[in-house]
């Protein structure tokens, strides 16, 4: 019997780190991971998609606030 060592890119910590750096683009790593059942893959995919959507909405709202702030500054200067 061969003792197969798990690849580093299939470990849970590396999937979490890759989500923080590349977001939903890491989903293929979830789906090719042999350690996850199909149910777990679906749940992780849904969580990643929901988090990505929420983070995108927060980013857009922040950019909207920044735009408003800079417009107010511009009106004060000119």
N, C-alpha and C. Protein backbone atom coordinates (compact mmCIF):
# COMPACT_ATOMS: atom_id res chain seq x y z
N UNK A 1 0.83 -1.20 0.00
CA UNK A 1 0.00 0.00 0.00
C UNK A 1 0.87 1.24 0.00
N UNK A 2 0.44 2.16 -0.78
CA UNK A 2 1.17 3.43 -0.90
C UNK A 2 0.54 4.45 0.03
N UNK A 3 1.38 5.19 0.73
CA UNK A 3 0.87 6.26 1.58
C UNK A 3 0.84 7.54 0.76
N UNK A 4 -0.34 7.89 0.27
CA UNK A 4 -0.46 9.07 -0.59
C UNK A 4 -0.62 10.31 0.27
N UNK A 5 0.27 11.24 0.08
CA UNK A 5 0.22 12.50 0.83
C UNK A 5 -0.70 13.47 0.09
N UNK A 6 -1.52 14.15 0.86
CA UNK A 6 -2.45 15.12 0.26
C UNK A 6 -1.67 16.31 -0.30
N UNK A 7 -2.03 16.73 -1.49
CA UNK A 7 -1.38 17.88 -2.12
C UNK A 7 -1.70 19.14 -1.33
N UNK A 8 -0.77 20.06 -1.32
CA UNK A 8 -0.95 21.28 -0.53
C UNK A 8 -2.14 22.10 -1.02
N UNK A 9 -2.43 22.07 -2.30
CA UNK A 9 -3.53 22.89 -2.83
C UNK A 9 -4.90 22.27 -2.58
N UNK A 10 -4.94 21.07 -1.99
CA UNK A 10 -6.20 20.46 -1.60
C UNK A 10 -6.48 20.63 -0.11
N UNK A 11 -5.56 21.19 0.62
CA UNK A 11 -5.76 21.37 2.06
C UNK A 11 -6.72 22.54 2.31
N UNK A 12 -7.46 22.43 3.39
CA UNK A 12 -8.48 23.43 3.70
C UNK A 12 -7.88 24.82 3.88
N UNK A 13 -6.73 24.91 4.53
CA UNK A 13 -6.11 26.23 4.76
C UNK A 13 -5.73 26.88 3.44
N UNK A 14 -5.25 26.11 2.48
CA UNK A 14 -4.86 26.71 1.20
C UNK A 14 -6.08 27.16 0.41
N UNK A 15 -7.19 26.44 0.55
CA UNK A 15 -8.43 26.87 -0.12
C UNK A 15 -8.94 28.17 0.49
N UNK A 16 -8.84 28.29 1.81
CA UNK A 16 -9.29 29.52 2.48
C UNK A 16 -8.40 30.69 2.07
N UNK A 17 -7.10 30.49 2.03
CA UNK A 17 -6.18 31.56 1.64
C UNK A 17 -6.42 31.95 0.19
N UNK A 18 -6.62 30.97 -0.67
CA UNK A 18 -6.85 31.29 -2.08
C UNK A 18 -8.16 32.05 -2.27
N UNK A 19 -9.17 31.77 -1.43
CA UNK A 19 -10.42 32.54 -1.53
C UNK A 19 -10.16 34.01 -1.20
N UNK A 20 -9.35 34.27 -0.18
CA UNK A 20 -9.07 35.66 0.21
C UNK A 20 -8.28 36.40 -0.86
N UNK A 21 -7.48 35.69 -1.64
CA UNK A 21 -6.68 36.36 -2.65
C UNK A 21 -7.32 36.39 -4.04
N UNK A 22 -8.01 35.33 -4.43
CA UNK A 22 -8.56 35.31 -5.78
C UNK A 22 -10.08 35.09 -5.83
N UNK A 23 -10.70 35.03 -4.67
CA UNK A 23 -12.16 34.95 -4.60
C UNK A 23 -12.73 33.72 -5.27
N UNK A 24 -13.81 33.89 -6.00
CA UNK A 24 -14.51 32.73 -6.58
C UNK A 24 -13.72 32.03 -7.69
N UNK A 25 -12.59 32.61 -8.10
CA UNK A 25 -11.77 31.95 -9.12
C UNK A 25 -11.10 30.69 -8.59
N UNK A 26 -11.22 30.46 -7.27
CA UNK A 26 -10.65 29.24 -6.69
C UNK A 26 -11.63 28.08 -6.67
N UNK A 27 -12.83 28.29 -7.17
CA UNK A 27 -13.84 27.23 -7.15
C UNK A 27 -13.42 25.95 -7.89
N UNK A 28 -12.67 26.03 -8.98
CA UNK A 28 -12.22 24.76 -9.59
C UNK A 28 -11.40 23.90 -8.64
N UNK A 29 -10.65 24.53 -7.73
CA UNK A 29 -9.90 23.75 -6.75
C UNK A 29 -10.83 22.99 -5.80
N UNK A 30 -11.97 23.57 -5.52
CA UNK A 30 -12.95 22.89 -4.66
C UNK A 30 -13.51 21.68 -5.40
N UNK A 31 -13.82 21.85 -6.68
CA UNK A 31 -14.50 20.79 -7.41
C UNK A 31 -13.59 19.64 -7.81
N UNK A 32 -12.28 19.87 -7.89
CA UNK A 32 -11.37 18.76 -8.20
C UNK A 32 -10.78 18.15 -6.93
N UNK A 33 -11.15 18.68 -5.77
CA UNK A 33 -10.62 18.17 -4.51
C UNK A 33 -11.23 16.79 -4.22
N UNK A 34 -10.38 15.76 -4.15
CA UNK A 34 -10.91 14.41 -3.91
C UNK A 34 -11.37 14.20 -2.47
N UNK A 35 -11.01 15.09 -1.56
CA UNK A 35 -11.39 14.93 -0.17
C UNK A 35 -12.77 15.45 0.17
N UNK A 36 -13.41 16.14 -0.76
CA UNK A 36 -14.74 16.70 -0.52
C UNK A 36 -15.79 15.83 -1.18
N UNK A 37 -16.88 15.60 -0.47
CA UNK A 37 -18.02 14.91 -1.08
C UNK A 37 -18.75 15.91 -1.97
N UNK A 38 -19.64 15.38 -2.80
CA UNK A 38 -20.40 16.27 -3.70
C UNK A 38 -21.23 17.26 -2.90
N UNK A 39 -21.82 16.79 -1.80
CA UNK A 39 -22.63 17.67 -0.96
C UNK A 39 -21.78 18.80 -0.39
N UNK A 40 -20.59 18.47 0.08
CA UNK A 40 -19.70 19.48 0.65
C UNK A 40 -19.24 20.47 -0.43
N UNK A 41 -19.00 19.98 -1.63
CA UNK A 41 -18.59 20.85 -2.74
C UNK A 41 -19.69 21.86 -3.06
N UNK A 42 -20.94 21.40 -3.07
CA UNK A 42 -22.07 22.29 -3.35
C UNK A 42 -22.21 23.34 -2.26
N UNK A 43 -22.10 22.91 -1.00
CA UNK A 43 -22.23 23.85 0.13
C UNK A 43 -21.12 24.88 0.10
N UNK A 44 -19.88 24.43 -0.11
CA UNK A 44 -18.74 25.36 -0.16
C UNK A 44 -18.91 26.32 -1.33
N UNK A 45 -19.37 25.84 -2.46
CA UNK A 45 -19.58 26.70 -3.63
C UNK A 45 -20.63 27.77 -3.33
N UNK A 46 -21.73 27.38 -2.71
CA UNK A 46 -22.78 28.35 -2.38
C UNK A 46 -22.27 29.39 -1.38
N UNK A 47 -21.53 28.95 -0.39
CA UNK A 47 -20.98 29.89 0.60
C UNK A 47 -20.04 30.87 -0.08
N UNK A 48 -19.17 30.37 -0.95
CA UNK A 48 -18.21 31.24 -1.64
C UNK A 48 -18.94 32.23 -2.54
N UNK A 49 -19.96 31.78 -3.24
CA UNK A 49 -20.70 32.69 -4.13
C UNK A 49 -21.46 33.76 -3.34
N UNK A 50 -22.08 33.37 -2.23
CA UNK A 50 -22.79 34.34 -1.40
C UNK A 50 -21.81 35.36 -0.81
N UNK A 51 -20.70 34.88 -0.27
CA UNK A 51 -19.69 35.80 0.28
C UNK A 51 -19.15 36.74 -0.79
N UNK A 52 -18.90 36.20 -1.97
CA UNK A 52 -18.39 37.03 -3.07
C UNK A 52 -19.40 38.12 -3.45
N UNK A 53 -20.67 37.75 -3.51
CA UNK A 53 -21.71 38.74 -3.82
C UNK A 53 -21.80 39.81 -2.74
N UNK A 54 -21.76 39.39 -1.49
CA UNK A 54 -21.82 40.36 -0.39
C UNK A 54 -20.62 41.29 -0.40
N UNK A 55 -19.45 40.75 -0.61
CA UNK A 55 -18.24 41.58 -0.66
C UNK A 55 -18.26 42.54 -1.85
N UNK A 56 -18.82 42.09 -2.96
CA UNK A 56 -18.96 42.97 -4.12
C UNK A 56 -19.92 44.11 -3.82
N UNK A 57 -21.03 43.82 -3.15
CA UNK A 57 -21.97 44.87 -2.78
C UNK A 57 -21.35 45.87 -1.81
N UNK A 58 -20.57 45.38 -0.86
CA UNK A 58 -19.88 46.27 0.08
C UNK A 58 -18.88 47.15 -0.66
N UNK A 59 -18.15 46.58 -1.60
CA UNK A 59 -17.20 47.35 -2.38
C UNK A 59 -17.90 48.45 -3.18
N UNK A 60 -19.01 48.10 -3.83
CA UNK A 60 -19.73 49.09 -4.63
C UNK A 60 -20.29 50.21 -3.75
N UNK A 61 -20.80 49.86 -2.58
CA UNK A 61 -21.33 50.88 -1.65
C UNK A 61 -20.19 51.78 -1.18
N UNK A 62 -19.04 51.21 -0.88
CA UNK A 62 -17.89 52.00 -0.44
C UNK A 62 -17.43 52.95 -1.54
N UNK A 63 -17.41 52.46 -2.77
CA UNK A 63 -17.01 53.32 -3.89
C UNK A 63 -18.02 54.45 -4.09
N UNK A 64 -19.28 54.17 -3.86
CA UNK A 64 -20.30 55.20 -3.96
C UNK A 64 -20.08 56.28 -2.90
N UNK A 65 -19.78 55.86 -1.66
CA UNK A 65 -19.49 56.83 -0.60
C UNK A 65 -18.25 57.65 -0.92
N UNK A 66 -17.23 57.01 -1.44
CA UNK A 66 -16.01 57.74 -1.81
C UNK A 66 -16.28 58.76 -2.91
N UNK A 67 -17.08 58.37 -3.88
CA UNK A 67 -17.42 59.28 -4.96
C UNK A 67 -18.16 60.50 -4.42
N UNK A 68 -19.12 60.27 -3.54
CA UNK A 68 -19.85 61.38 -2.92
C UNK A 68 -18.92 62.28 -2.13
N UNK A 69 -18.03 61.69 -1.38
CA UNK A 69 -17.07 62.45 -0.57
C UNK A 69 -16.18 63.31 -1.45
N UNK A 70 -15.65 62.76 -2.53
CA UNK A 70 -14.78 63.53 -3.41
C UNK A 70 -15.54 64.62 -4.15
N UNK A 71 -16.79 64.38 -4.46
CA UNK A 71 -17.58 65.45 -5.08
C UNK A 71 -17.79 66.59 -4.12
N UNK A 72 -18.05 66.28 -2.85
CA UNK A 72 -18.20 67.34 -1.84
C UNK A 72 -16.90 68.11 -1.67
N UNK A 73 -15.79 67.41 -1.67
CA UNK A 73 -14.48 68.07 -1.57
C UNK A 73 -14.23 68.97 -2.76
N UNK A 74 -14.58 68.47 -3.92
CA UNK A 74 -14.37 69.26 -5.14
C UNK A 74 -15.23 70.52 -5.12
N UNK A 75 -16.45 70.44 -4.61
CA UNK A 75 -17.31 71.61 -4.52
C UNK A 75 -16.77 72.62 -3.50
N UNK A 76 -16.13 72.13 -2.45
CA UNK A 76 -15.54 73.02 -1.45
C UNK A 76 -14.32 73.76 -1.99
N UNK A 77 -13.55 73.08 -2.82
CA UNK A 77 -12.32 73.68 -3.34
C UNK A 77 -12.63 74.70 -4.44
N UNK A 78 -13.59 74.40 -5.30
CA UNK A 78 -13.88 75.29 -6.43
C UNK A 78 -15.05 76.13 -6.15
